[in-house]
C-alpha cells in the first residue's frame, strides 16, 4: 500500500496536475506567495497555460499537505509553514536523518561515497568563495545522496518532502559563513562514519547535524 502511494506520487510529479502542484508548492515555500494570500485559479492557470481543473486539483492536494486553506464559496488561501511547523519538521528530521545515515551504512556503494565526497569538496570551495546559491544546492545534493543510499523508498520520500518544506530557512541559514563552514565539517564527519560502516556513529552525527541547525535557527529568531 505504501509503495503504491509512493509510486503514484512519483508518477504524479510528471503529470499535468503534478507540475501545477509543484509550481504552487514551490511558490508557497519560497515565499513568492505570502501567508493568507489568495491563490486564484484563473491567474495561476494563465501563468501556466492550463485550465482551472488541474489548478483546482492541485489546490485540493495542497490543502491535504497543510499549505493551503480552501474556504467554500470564497477561495483558496496560503497557510504556509509557520515557525512552529518549521521547528517541528527539523525535530522530526533529526531522528529520520539519523535513521537514514544508519541505513546508508548498510547499503551505500563506493560510487555513492565518491559522489558525496565530491559534493563536500565543491561545497568547501564555494564556501570560501562566498557562493551561497551553490552552497544551498550542494547541501541539497549531499542529503539527496544519503537518502538515495539508505535503501528505503519510503524514508527517502518522507525526508525529501521535509527537505523541500524548509527550503527558505535553509537558504537563510546557509548564507551565513559560520554555519556553512560548520555544516561542511558536519557533513564530512557523517560521511567518514558511513564510509567506516559505523551505523551508531553515523546516526548520532546525522541527528546532531540537524539539532545544530535548529539551534542556529533559534539564534537567528527565525
Protein backbone atom coordinates (compact mmCIF):
# COMPACT_ATOMS: atom_id res chain seq x y z
CA UNK A 1 0.00 0.00 0.00
CA UNK A 2 2.78 2.43 0.98
CA UNK A 3 4.82 1.52 -2.12
CA UNK A 4 1.76 2.05 -4.31
CA UNK A 5 1.16 5.51 -2.84
CA UNK A 6 4.81 6.39 -3.30
CA UNK A 7 4.77 5.23 -6.92
CA UNK A 8 1.66 7.33 -7.53
CA UNK A 9 3.47 10.35 -6.06
CA UNK A 10 6.46 9.75 -8.32
CA UNK A 11 4.29 9.32 -11.41
CA UNK A 12 2.24 12.37 -10.48
CA UNK A 13 5.36 14.53 -10.43
CA UNK A 14 5.44 14.32 -14.22
CA UNK A 15 1.69 14.69 -14.79
CA UNK A 16 -0.07 17.96 -15.51
CA UNK A 17 -1.53 18.08 -12.01
CA UNK A 18 1.88 17.22 -10.60
CA UNK A 19 3.56 20.08 -12.44
CA UNK A 20 0.89 22.53 -11.28
CA UNK A 21 1.14 21.18 -7.72
CA UNK A 22 4.94 21.60 -7.68
CA UNK A 23 4.70 25.12 -9.16
CA UNK A 24 2.27 26.33 -6.47
CA UNK A 25 4.04 24.48 -3.67
CA UNK A 26 7.42 25.97 -4.60
CA UNK A 27 5.74 29.39 -4.76
CA UNK A 28 4.46 28.97 -1.21
CA UNK A 29 7.66 27.53 0.24
CA UNK A 30 9.90 30.13 -1.43
CA UNK A 31 7.71 33.00 -0.24
CA UNK A 32 6.54 34.01 -3.71
CA UNK A 33 3.03 33.59 -2.34
CA UNK A 34 2.67 35.23 1.05
CA UNK A 35 0.79 33.92 4.06
CA UNK A 36 -3.01 34.40 3.75
CA UNK A 37 -2.63 35.39 0.08
CA UNK A 38 -5.46 34.20 -2.16
CA UNK A 39 -4.47 31.69 -4.82
CA UNK A 40 -6.68 32.47 -7.80
CA UNK A 41 -7.32 29.57 -10.14
CA UNK A 42 -7.66 31.78 -13.23
CA UNK A 43 -4.42 33.66 -12.55
CA UNK A 44 -2.36 30.53 -11.89
CA UNK A 45 -3.93 28.77 -14.87
CA UNK A 46 -2.97 31.70 -17.12
CA UNK A 47 0.60 31.72 -15.76
CA UNK A 48 0.99 28.04 -16.58
CA UNK A 49 -1.14 27.93 -19.70
CA UNK A 50 -3.55 25.35 -18.27
CA UNK A 51 -7.26 25.20 -17.47
CA UNK A 52 -8.69 25.73 -13.99
CA UNK A 53 -9.26 21.99 -13.45
CA UNK A 54 -5.62 20.90 -12.75
CA UNK A 55 -5.14 24.06 -10.65
CA UNK A 56 -8.22 23.21 -8.57
CA UNK A 57 -7.00 19.62 -8.12
CA UNK A 58 -3.53 20.82 -7.11
CA UNK A 59 -5.00 23.24 -4.56
CA UNK A 60 -7.03 20.42 -3.00
CA UNK A 61 -3.89 18.31 -2.76
CA UNK A 62 -2.02 21.22 -1.18
CA UNK A 63 -4.81 21.58 1.35
CA UNK A 64 -4.17 17.98 2.43
CA UNK A 65 -0.50 18.93 2.82
CA UNK A 66 -1.48 21.77 5.13
CA UNK A 67 -0.11 24.50 2.87
CA UNK A 68 -3.46 25.82 1.65
CA UNK A 69 -6.81 26.53 3.27
CA UNK A 70 -9.84 26.30 0.98
CA UNK A 71 -12.85 28.27 2.19
CA UNK A 72 -16.10 27.21 0.42
CA UNK A 73 -17.60 29.92 -1.81
CA UNK A 74 -14.67 32.19 -1.09
CA UNK A 75 -11.36 30.81 -2.34
CA UNK A 76 -8.03 29.16 -1.57
CA UNK A 77 -5.58 30.92 0.73
CA UNK A 78 -1.95 30.29 1.63
CA UNK A 79 -1.38 28.74 5.04
CA UNK A 80 2.31 28.14 4.54
CA UNK A 81 4.85 26.89 7.07
CA UNK A 82 4.75 28.63 10.44
CA UNK A 83 7.77 28.97 12.73
CA UNK A 84 6.37 26.14 14.87
CA UNK A 85 5.84 23.98 11.77
CA UNK A 86 9.45 24.53 10.74
CA UNK A 87 10.70 23.67 14.23
CA UNK A 88 8.59 20.50 14.28
CA UNK A 89 9.90 19.50 10.85
CA UNK A 90 13.51 19.88 11.96
CA UNK A 91 12.94 17.89 15.14
CA UNK A 92 11.31 15.06 13.17
CA UNK A 93 14.06 15.28 10.56
CA UNK A 94 16.74 14.96 13.22
CA UNK A 95 15.55 11.44 14.01
CA UNK A 96 14.78 10.41 10.43
CA UNK A 97 18.13 11.74 9.15
CA UNK A 98 19.84 9.68 11.85
CA UNK A 99 17.99 6.55 10.79
CA UNK A 100 18.77 7.30 7.16
CA UNK A 101 22.51 7.61 7.86
CA UNK A 102 22.47 4.34 9.83
CA UNK A 103 20.78 2.50 6.98
CA UNK A 104 23.12 4.12 4.46
CA UNK A 105 26.00 2.37 6.23
CA UNK A 106 24.43 -0.94 5.23
CA UNK A 107 23.58 -0.07 1.64
CA UNK A 108 25.88 2.63 0.26
CA UNK A 109 28.16 1.87 -2.68
CA UNK A 110 31.69 3.14 -3.30
CA UNK A 111 30.34 5.14 -6.23
CA UNK A 112 27.88 6.92 -3.93
CA UNK A 113 30.60 7.57 -1.35
CA UNK A 114 32.77 9.15 -4.06
CA UNK A 115 29.84 11.30 -5.22
CA UNK A 116 29.22 12.57 -1.67
CA UNK A 117 32.93 13.27 -1.23
CA UNK A 118 32.91 15.38 -4.40
CA UNK A 119 29.86 17.33 -3.20
CA UNK A 120 31.60 18.14 0.09
CA UNK A 121 34.77 19.22 -1.76
CA UNK A 122 32.76 21.54 -4.02
CA UNK A 123 30.80 22.90 -1.08
CA UNK A 124 34.01 23.77 0.78
CA UNK A 125 35.32 25.51 -2.36
CA UNK A 126 32.16 27.60 -2.83
CA UNK A 127 32.03 28.42 0.89
CA UNK A 128 35.49 30.00 0.65
CA UNK A 129 34.30 31.98 -2.38
CA UNK A 130 31.04 33.04 -0.70
CA UNK A 131 28.91 31.47 -3.46
CA UNK A 132 25.86 30.84 -1.27
CA UNK A 133 23.44 29.78 -4.01
CA UNK A 134 25.80 26.95 -4.91
CA UNK A 135 26.22 26.04 -1.23
CA UNK A 136 22.46 25.58 -0.82
CA UNK A 137 22.29 23.49 -4.00
CA UNK A 138 25.20 21.31 -2.87
CA UNK A 139 23.66 20.89 0.58
CA UNK A 140 20.56 19.51 -1.13
CA UNK A 141 22.73 17.15 -3.21
CA UNK A 142 24.54 15.88 -0.10
CA UNK A 143 21.30 14.98 1.64
CA UNK A 144 19.74 13.52 -1.51
CA UNK A 145 22.72 11.21 -1.97
CA UNK A 146 22.38 9.99 1.62
CA UNK A 147 18.63 9.49 1.08
CA UNK A 148 19.31 7.51 -2.10
CA UNK A 149 21.83 5.34 -0.25
CA UNK A 150 19.59 4.39 2.68
CA UNK A 151 17.81 1.68 0.69
CA UNK A 152 14.28 2.72 1.70
CA UNK A 153 11.98 4.43 -0.81
CA UNK A 154 9.57 5.35 1.97
CA UNK A 155 12.19 7.06 4.14
CA UNK A 156 13.71 8.76 1.10
CA UNK A 157 10.30 10.12 0.09
CA UNK A 158 9.41 11.49 3.52
CA UNK A 159 12.79 13.16 4.03
CA UNK A 160 12.67 14.72 0.57
CA UNK A 161 9.27 16.27 1.34
CA UNK A 162 10.52 17.68 4.66
CA UNK A 163 13.65 19.00 2.94
CA UNK A 164 11.52 20.97 0.45
CA UNK A 165 9.30 22.37 3.20
CA UNK A 166 12.17 24.20 4.90
CA UNK A 167 13.95 25.36 1.76
CA UNK A 168 13.51 29.07 2.54
CA UNK A 169 15.01 28.66 6.02
CA UNK A 170 17.88 26.56 4.65
CA UNK A 171 18.77 29.38 2.25
CA UNK A 172 18.89 31.86 5.11
CA UNK A 173 21.00 29.74 7.48
CA UNK A 174 23.45 28.55 4.82
CA UNK A 175 24.01 32.13 3.62
CA UNK A 176 25.92 32.69 6.87
CA UNK A 177 29.59 31.76 6.50
CA UNK A 178 29.95 30.41 10.04
CA UNK A 179 27.04 27.98 9.60
CA UNK A 180 28.13 26.99 6.09
CA UNK A 181 31.65 26.12 7.32
CA UNK A 182 30.31 24.17 10.28
CA UNK A 183 27.78 22.35 8.09
CA UNK A 184 30.58 21.21 5.76
CA UNK A 185 32.52 19.85 8.73
CA UNK A 186 29.43 18.01 9.97
CA UNK A 187 28.85 16.54 6.50
CA UNK A 188 32.45 15.32 6.40
CA UNK A 189 32.09 13.62 9.80
CA UNK A 190 28.86 11.91 8.71
CA UNK A 191 30.48 10.67 5.50
CA UNK A 192 33.51 9.32 7.39
CA UNK A 193 31.24 7.37 9.75
CA UNK A 194 29.27 5.96 6.81
CA UNK A 195 32.49 5.06 4.98
CA UNK A 196 33.61 3.14 8.07
CA UNK A 197 30.17 1.45 8.20
CA UNK A 198 29.74 2.70 11.76
CA UNK A 199 25.94 2.87 11.89
CA UNK A 200 25.70 4.01 15.50
CA UNK A 201 28.11 6.93 14.99
CA UNK A 202 26.58 7.91 11.63
CA UNK A 203 23.12 8.03 13.20
CA UNK A 204 24.39 10.15 16.12
CA UNK A 205 26.22 12.61 13.87
CA UNK A 206 23.33 12.99 11.41
CA UNK A 207 20.93 13.61 14.29
CA UNK A 208 23.27 16.21 15.84
CA UNK A 209 23.71 17.88 12.43
CA UNK A 210 20.01 18.76 12.32
CA UNK A 211 19.97 19.72 16.01
CA UNK A 212 22.76 22.22 15.27
CA UNK A 213 20.57 23.68 12.53
CA UNK A 214 17.69 24.06 15.00
CA UNK A 215 19.98 25.87 17.42
CA UNK A 216 21.12 28.18 14.63
CA UNK A 217 17.54 28.93 13.64
CA UNK A 218 16.65 29.79 17.22
CA UNK A 219 19.72 32.04 17.47
CA UNK A 220 18.55 33.91 14.36
CA UNK A 221 15.00 34.15 15.67
CA UNK A 222 13.50 32.53 12.56
